[in-house]
């Protein structure tokens, strides 16, 4: 009897069923973990959003009542106190909510186990200077804050223009393109064009556990930033950007006319509350189908808070009236 005929029943009736069982169990376990994570995230935000909206309503009502009284010195102090209370509450709560969301996103990327490096996550918003974006919140707060024109970033420009998500899993290759190359303010374009990845194939096979030091030299970090470890993990080779907007929401086809007038026929900076951004130091990191949908779940949820904040501030006649009385320039956006 040939050896192959001896082992065939063992392989067919023992080994293969065990492998199938383990694979199926791993798949079910991973799916359950993701369901639990999303369930906890949604339940947490159900309560937090109701609290956020109701608390803002109460604080805004106090401001409205103060504005209906005479503008003597004492009442102006009350108006100022109510105005500051709204601002302070929004700032504190939005940071807490964003921080919790980023924590849950980090847990998701731990689940998928694609790399020993976690993606760097940040929330970018429009600044007071027209056309400029900056970090509203990021997990790693060590690196310096940067504000830059949106057109200097290929991904942000695409998302802002189209309202769609943006994914790029090979920044080094796309930065070399003669026509429409990938650009971002921190990337030295001249060095990126000259960059060569001699170990790309080997790194892909190994799922790269090393940071590419040659690629890091293409990024513009000052000495103070380089003291923040591990700064090299900010030198992205893959990026994913999700918009916080209603512009491509299918339910927008059937909405109240006043709502549509205020939220769909305005300046694009007004109907985009932010950009949920993910960067990773390895190529081919992001899964377009899976990560896109997870990103939208979190971005759409965060949008609810930012929209609510806008309604009670920059879109409120009482809030704007308070700014006139207090001689404070009107904000272009609450965020």
Protein backbone atom coordinates (compact mmCIF):
# COMPACT_ATOMS: atom_id res chain seq x y z
CA UNK A 1 0.00 0.00 0.00
CA UNK A 2 1.40 3.40 -1.00
CA UNK A 3 2.02 5.98 1.75
CA UNK A 4 -0.33 8.42 0.04
CA UNK A 5 -3.23 5.99 0.33
CA UNK A 6 -2.55 5.59 4.06
CA UNK A 7 -2.65 9.32 4.80
CA UNK A 8 -5.48 10.22 2.44
CA UNK A 9 -8.32 9.17 4.82
CA UNK A 10 -6.55 10.97 7.66
CA UNK A 11 -6.32 14.12 5.56
CA UNK A 12 -9.86 13.90 4.11
CA UNK A 13 -11.77 12.91 7.25
CA UNK A 14 -9.71 14.37 10.09
CA UNK A 15 -7.31 17.13 9.09
CA UNK A 16 -9.48 18.98 6.56
CA UNK A 17 -12.61 19.01 8.80
CA UNK A 18 -10.51 20.32 11.71
CA UNK A 19 -9.05 23.10 9.55
CA UNK A 20 -12.51 24.02 8.26
CA UNK A 21 -13.89 24.07 11.80
CA UNK A 22 -11.06 26.26 13.09
CA UNK A 23 -11.38 28.67 10.15
CA UNK A 24 -15.14 28.90 10.60
CA UNK A 25 -14.78 29.39 14.36
CA UNK A 26 -12.18 32.13 13.82
CA UNK A 27 -14.48 33.84 11.31
CA UNK A 28 -17.48 33.64 13.67
CA UNK A 29 -15.40 34.88 16.64
CA UNK A 30 -14.07 37.82 14.63
CA UNK A 31 -17.55 38.68 13.38
CA UNK A 32 -18.98 38.56 16.91
CA UNK A 33 -16.20 40.77 18.26
CA UNK A 34 -16.91 43.36 15.56
CA UNK A 35 -20.66 43.20 16.24
CA UNK A 36 -20.05 43.72 19.96
CA UNK A 37 -17.74 46.65 19.27
CA UNK A 38 -20.25 48.38 16.97
CA UNK A 39 -23.14 47.61 19.34
CA UNK A 40 -21.27 49.17 22.28
CA UNK A 41 -20.30 52.19 20.14
CA UNK A 42 -23.88 52.83 18.95
CA UNK A 43 -25.44 52.30 22.40
CA UNK A 44 -22.89 54.62 24.00
CA UNK A 45 -23.57 57.34 21.45
CA UNK A 46 -27.33 56.97 21.68
CA UNK A 47 -27.20 58.16 25.28
CA UNK A 48 -24.42 60.68 24.75
CA UNK A 49 -26.11 62.32 21.76
CA UNK A 50 -29.45 62.72 23.57
CA UNK A 51 -27.59 64.22 26.53
CA UNK A 52 -25.57 66.51 24.23
CA UNK A 53 -28.60 67.80 22.33
CA UNK A 54 -30.75 68.33 25.44
CA UNK A 55 -27.96 70.05 27.40
CA UNK A 56 -27.28 72.41 24.50
CA UNK A 57 -30.99 73.17 24.23
CA UNK A 58 -31.11 74.16 27.93
CA UNK A 59 -27.97 76.30 27.71
CA UNK A 60 -29.17 77.94 24.49
CA UNK A 61 -32.55 78.67 26.15
CA UNK A 62 -30.75 80.50 28.96
CA UNK A 63 -28.91 82.61 26.40
CA UNK A 64 -32.17 83.37 24.58
CA UNK A 65 -33.86 84.49 27.82
CA UNK A 66 -30.89 86.68 28.76
CA UNK A 67 -30.97 88.37 25.34
CA UNK A 68 -34.67 89.29 25.78
CA UNK A 69 -33.82 91.42 28.81
CA UNK A 70 -32.33 94.93 28.70
CA UNK A 71 -28.68 95.24 27.75
CA UNK A 72 -27.46 96.88 30.92
CA UNK A 73 -24.02 96.08 32.35
CA UNK A 74 -25.23 93.32 34.66
CA UNK A 75 -27.23 91.59 31.96
CA UNK A 76 -24.36 91.76 29.48
CA UNK A 77 -22.33 89.79 32.01
CA UNK A 78 -25.10 87.19 32.12
CA UNK A 79 -25.16 87.05 28.31
CA UNK A 80 -21.38 86.60 28.26
CA UNK A 81 -21.59 83.84 30.88
CA UNK A 82 -24.31 81.99 28.92
CA UNK A 83 -22.36 82.37 25.68
CA UNK A 84 -19.15 81.06 27.25
CA UNK A 85 -21.01 78.18 28.89
CA UNK A 86 -22.23 76.99 25.46
CA UNK A 87 -18.74 77.23 23.97
CA UNK A 88 -17.08 75.50 26.90
CA UNK A 89 -19.62 72.66 26.97
CA UNK A 90 -19.30 72.02 23.22
CA UNK A 91 -15.51 72.02 23.34
CA UNK A 92 -15.33 69.62 26.29
CA UNK A 93 -17.99 67.22 25.05
CA UNK A 94 -16.81 67.04 21.44
CA UNK A 95 -13.28 66.22 22.57
CA UNK A 96 -14.58 63.47 24.91
CA UNK A 97 -16.84 62.00 22.23
CA UNK A 98 -14.09 62.07 19.60
CA UNK A 99 -11.60 60.51 22.01
CA UNK A 100 -13.97 57.63 22.79
CA UNK A 101 -14.65 57.10 19.07
CA UNK A 102 -10.93 56.93 18.31
CA UNK A 103 -10.46 54.41 21.11
CA UNK A 104 -13.12 52.16 19.55
CA UNK A 105 -11.56 52.58 16.10
CA UNK A 106 -8.19 51.49 17.51
CA UNK A 107 -9.89 48.36 18.90
CA UNK A 108 -11.25 47.62 15.43
CA UNK A 109 -7.80 47.82 13.84
CA UNK A 110 -6.44 45.58 16.60
CA UNK A 111 -9.06 43.00 15.57
CA UNK A 112 -8.07 42.88 11.91
CA UNK A 113 -4.41 42.14 12.79
CA UNK A 114 -2.85 43.42 9.57
CA UNK A 115 0.25 44.98 11.08
CA UNK A 116 1.98 45.50 14.39
CA UNK A 117 1.61 49.23 13.74
CA UNK A 118 -1.73 50.91 14.38
CA UNK A 119 -3.05 53.51 11.93
CA UNK A 120 -2.69 57.11 13.05
CA UNK A 121 -6.19 58.57 13.37
CA UNK A 122 -7.11 62.24 13.37
CA UNK A 123 -10.10 64.47 12.76
CA UNK A 124 -9.46 67.46 10.52
CA UNK A 125 -11.82 70.43 10.26
CA UNK A 126 -11.94 73.77 8.45
CA UNK A 127 -10.19 76.59 10.26
CA UNK A 128 -11.23 80.24 10.54
CA UNK A 129 -8.95 81.09 7.61
CA UNK A 130 -10.94 80.30 4.42
CA UNK A 131 -9.88 77.17 2.59
CA UNK A 132 -7.59 75.94 5.38
CA UNK A 133 -7.84 72.74 7.41
CA UNK A 134 -6.18 71.64 10.61
CA UNK A 135 -6.30 68.91 13.25
CA UNK A 136 -9.30 69.12 15.53
CA UNK A 137 -8.33 66.02 17.46
CA UNK A 138 -5.74 63.24 17.09
CA UNK A 139 -4.70 60.30 19.23
CA UNK A 140 -1.00 61.17 19.24
CA UNK A 141 -0.89 64.75 20.43
CA UNK A 142 2.90 65.01 20.48
CA UNK A 143 3.39 66.34 16.96
CA UNK A 144 2.96 70.03 16.28
CA UNK A 145 -0.36 71.45 15.09
CA UNK A 146 -0.38 72.39 11.41
CA UNK A 147 -2.89 74.45 9.47
CA UNK A 148 -2.64 74.36 5.67
CA UNK A 149 -4.67 75.10 2.52
CA UNK A 150 -6.83 72.12 1.61
CA UNK A 151 -5.65 72.14 -2.02
CA UNK A 152 -2.15 71.13 -0.81
CA UNK A 153 -3.50 67.69 0.14
CA UNK A 154 -4.63 65.38 -2.67
CA UNK A 155 -6.88 63.24 -0.50
CA UNK A 156 -8.62 66.09 1.31
CA UNK A 157 -9.14 67.96 -1.96
CA UNK A 158 -10.81 64.92 -3.54
CA UNK A 159 -13.07 64.32 -0.54
CA UNK A 160 -14.00 68.01 -0.25
CA UNK A 161 -14.78 68.28 -3.97
CA UNK A 162 -16.75 65.05 -4.37
CA UNK A 163 -18.09 64.29 -0.89
CA UNK A 164 -16.78 60.72 -1.40
CA UNK A 165 -14.20 58.77 0.59
CA UNK A 166 -10.56 58.61 -0.54
CA UNK A 167 -8.15 55.69 -0.30
CA UNK A 168 -4.53 55.46 -1.39
CA UNK A 169 -2.58 52.31 -0.53
CA UNK A 170 0.65 53.21 -2.31
CA UNK A 171 1.59 56.82 -1.60
CA UNK A 172 5.26 56.42 -2.67
CA UNK A 173 4.28 55.24 -6.15
CA UNK A 174 1.57 57.86 -6.62
CA UNK A 175 3.80 60.70 -5.40
CA UNK A 176 6.04 60.01 -8.42
CA UNK A 177 3.32 60.55 -11.04
CA UNK A 178 4.01 63.33 -13.49
CA UNK A 179 0.31 64.09 -13.86
CA UNK A 180 -1.75 64.62 -10.70
CA UNK A 181 0.83 63.28 -8.23
CA UNK A 182 -0.13 62.59 -4.61
CA UNK A 183 0.71 65.58 -2.41
CA UNK A 184 0.34 66.44 1.26
CA UNK A 185 1.94 69.36 3.16
CA UNK A 186 4.33 67.23 5.23
CA UNK A 187 5.68 65.25 2.26
CA UNK A 188 8.80 66.59 0.51
CA UNK A 189 7.77 66.11 -3.11
CA UNK A 190 11.31 66.30 -4.52
CA UNK A 191 12.57 63.56 -2.21
CA UNK A 192 9.45 61.47 -2.75
CA UNK A 193 10.04 61.47 -6.51
CA UNK A 194 13.64 60.30 -5.99
CA UNK A 195 12.67 57.64 -3.41
CA UNK A 196 13.25 53.97 -4.23
CA UNK A 197 11.90 51.07 -2.20
CA UNK A 198 14.37 48.27 -2.83
CA UNK A 199 12.65 45.87 -0.44
CA UNK A 200 9.00 46.37 -1.43
CA UNK A 201 8.36 42.78 -2.55
CA UNK A 202 10.05 41.30 0.55
CA UNK A 203 8.16 43.69 2.83
CA UNK A 204 4.83 42.72 1.29
CA UNK A 205 5.56 39.03 1.82
CA UNK A 206 6.48 39.67 5.44
CA UNK A 207 3.61 42.11 6.03
CA UNK A 208 6.45 44.51 6.85
CA UNK A 209 7.31 44.77 10.51
CA UNK A 210 9.84 47.51 9.87
CA UNK A 211 9.55 51.22 9.26
CA UNK A 212 11.10 52.27 5.96
CA UNK A 213 13.79 54.75 7.04
CA UNK A 214 14.39 55.85 3.43
CA UNK A 215 10.72 56.81 3.10
CA UNK A 216 10.83 58.64 6.45
CA UNK A 217 13.56 60.89 5.04
CA UNK A 218 10.98 62.12 2.49
CA UNK A 219 8.86 63.70 5.22
CA UNK A 220 9.29 67.16 6.71
CA UNK A 221 9.40 66.90 10.50
CA UNK A 222 11.39 69.38 12.54
CA UNK A 223 13.78 68.41 15.35
CA UNK A 224 11.19 68.98 18.08
CA UNK A 225 8.73 66.69 16.31
CA UNK A 226 11.40 64.04 15.83
CA UNK A 227 11.85 63.88 19.59
CA UNK A 228 8.30 62.52 19.74
CA UNK A 229 8.54 58.76 19.44
CA UNK A 230 7.67 57.00 17.25
CA UNK A 231 7.47 59.91 14.80
CA UNK A 232 8.39 57.57 11.90
CA UNK A 233 4.95 55.94 12.13
CA UNK A 234 3.47 59.22 10.87
CA UNK A 235 5.28 58.79 7.53
CA UNK A 236 2.31 57.31 5.73
CA UNK A 237 2.41 54.93 2.80
CA UNK A 238 -1.33 54.23 2.99
CA UNK A 239 -4.15 56.65 3.75
CA UNK A 240 -7.94 56.59 4.06
CA UNK A 241 -10.14 59.69 4.42
CA UNK A 242 -13.86 59.65 5.24
CA UNK A 243 -15.99 62.82 4.96
CA UNK A 244 -18.35 63.99 7.70
CA UNK A 245 -21.07 65.34 5.43
CA UNK A 246 -24.63 64.88 4.16
CA UNK A 247 -23.77 65.70 0.57
CA UNK A 248 -23.97 62.13 -0.72
CA UNK A 249 -26.55 60.86 1.74
CA UNK A 250 -29.23 59.06 -0.30
CA UNK A 251 -31.97 60.05 2.14
CA UNK A 252 -31.28 63.68 1.16
CA UNK A 253 -33.37 63.10 -1.97
CA UNK A 254 -36.52 63.27 0.14
CA UNK A 255 -36.10 65.87 2.88
CA UNK A 256 -37.89 69.00 4.06
CA UNK A 257 -37.30 71.98 1.77
CA UNK A 258 -36.06 74.25 4.57
CA UNK A 259 -33.58 71.60 5.68
CA UNK A 260 -32.38 71.15 2.11
CA UNK A 261 -32.00 74.91 1.66
CA UNK A 262 -29.85 75.28 4.77
CA UNK A 263 -27.76 72.13 4.52
CA UNK A 264 -27.41 71.31 0.82
CA UNK A 265 -27.38 74.62 -0.99
CA UNK A 266 -24.66 76.30 1.03
CA UNK A 267 -20.94 76.71 0.84
CA UNK A 268 -19.18 73.31 0.75
CA UNK A 269 -17.27 74.28 3.89
CA UNK A 270 -20.61 74.65 5.67
CA UNK A 271 -21.95 71.20 4.79
CA UNK A 272 -18.72 69.33 5.54
CA UNK A 273 -18.12 69.18 9.29
CA UNK A 274 -14.84 67.36 9.15
CA UNK A 275 -12.63 64.66 7.69
CA UNK A 276 -11.92 61.40 9.52
CA UNK A 277 -8.35 60.52 8.49
CA UNK A 278 -6.33 57.31 8.83
CA UNK A 279 -2.63 56.99 7.99
CA UNK A 280 -0.41 53.91 8.10
CA UNK A 281 3.36 53.53 7.50
CA UNK A 282 2.99 50.36 5.36
CA UNK A 283 1.77 49.94 1.80
CA UNK A 284 -1.50 48.15 0.99
CA UNK A 285 -2.73 48.41 4.57
CA UNK A 286 -6.36 49.51 4.19
CA UNK A 287 -9.15 47.21 3.02
CA UNK A 288 -11.33 49.41 0.83
CA UNK A 289 -14.55 47.44 1.27
CA UNK A 290 -14.36 46.81 5.00
CA UNK A 291 -12.54 49.87 6.33
CA UNK A 292 -14.66 52.24 4.24
CA UNK A 293 -17.90 51.10 5.86
CA UNK A 294 -16.45 51.07 9.37
CA UNK A 295 -15.10 54.58 8.75
CA UNK A 296 -18.49 55.85 7.60
CA UNK A 297 -20.25 54.41 10.67
CA UNK A 298 -17.94 56.43 12.92
CA UNK A 299 -17.81 59.56 10.73
CA UNK A 300 -21.61 59.70 10.32
CA UNK A 301 -22.08 59.29 14.07
CA UNK A 302 -19.62 62.08 14.87
CA UNK A 303 -21.40 64.26 12.29
CA UNK A 304 -24.54 64.26 14.45
CA UNK A 305 -22.71 66.01 17.30
CA UNK A 306 -20.98 68.54 15.06
CA UNK A 307 -24.23 69.37 13.27
CA UNK A 308 -26.04 69.79 16.59
CA UNK A 309 -23.29 72.13 17.78
CA UNK A 310 -23.61 74.16 14.56
CA UNK A 311 -27.39 74.49 14.97
CA UNK A 312 -27.06 76.01 18.44
CA UNK A 313 -24.14 78.31 17.53
CA UNK A 314 -23.26 79.55 14.04
CA UNK A 315 -26.78 78.81 12.73
CA UNK A 316 -28.50 80.39 15.76
CA UNK A 317 -29.68 83.99 15.57
CA UNK A 318 -29.44 84.27 19.37
CA UNK A 319 -25.85 83.04 19.45
CA UNK A 320 -24.93 85.47 16.65
CA UNK A 321 -26.78 88.27 18.43
CA UNK A 322 -24.77 87.56 21.58
CA UNK A 323 -21.55 87.81 19.56
CA UNK A 324 -22.66 91.21 18.23
CA UNK A 325 -23.38 92.49 21.75
CA UNK A 326 -20.09 91.12 23.08
CA UNK A 327 -18.24 92.40 19.98
CA UNK A 328 -16.95 88.92 19.08
CA UNK A 329 -16.35 88.17 15.37
CA UNK A 330 -18.85 85.63 14.02
CA UNK A 331 -17.43 82.13 13.68
CA UNK A 332 -17.45 80.60 10.22
CA UNK A 333 -17.97 77.17 11.76
CA UNK A 334 -18.52 75.91 15.29
CA UNK A 335 -15.77 73.32 14.79
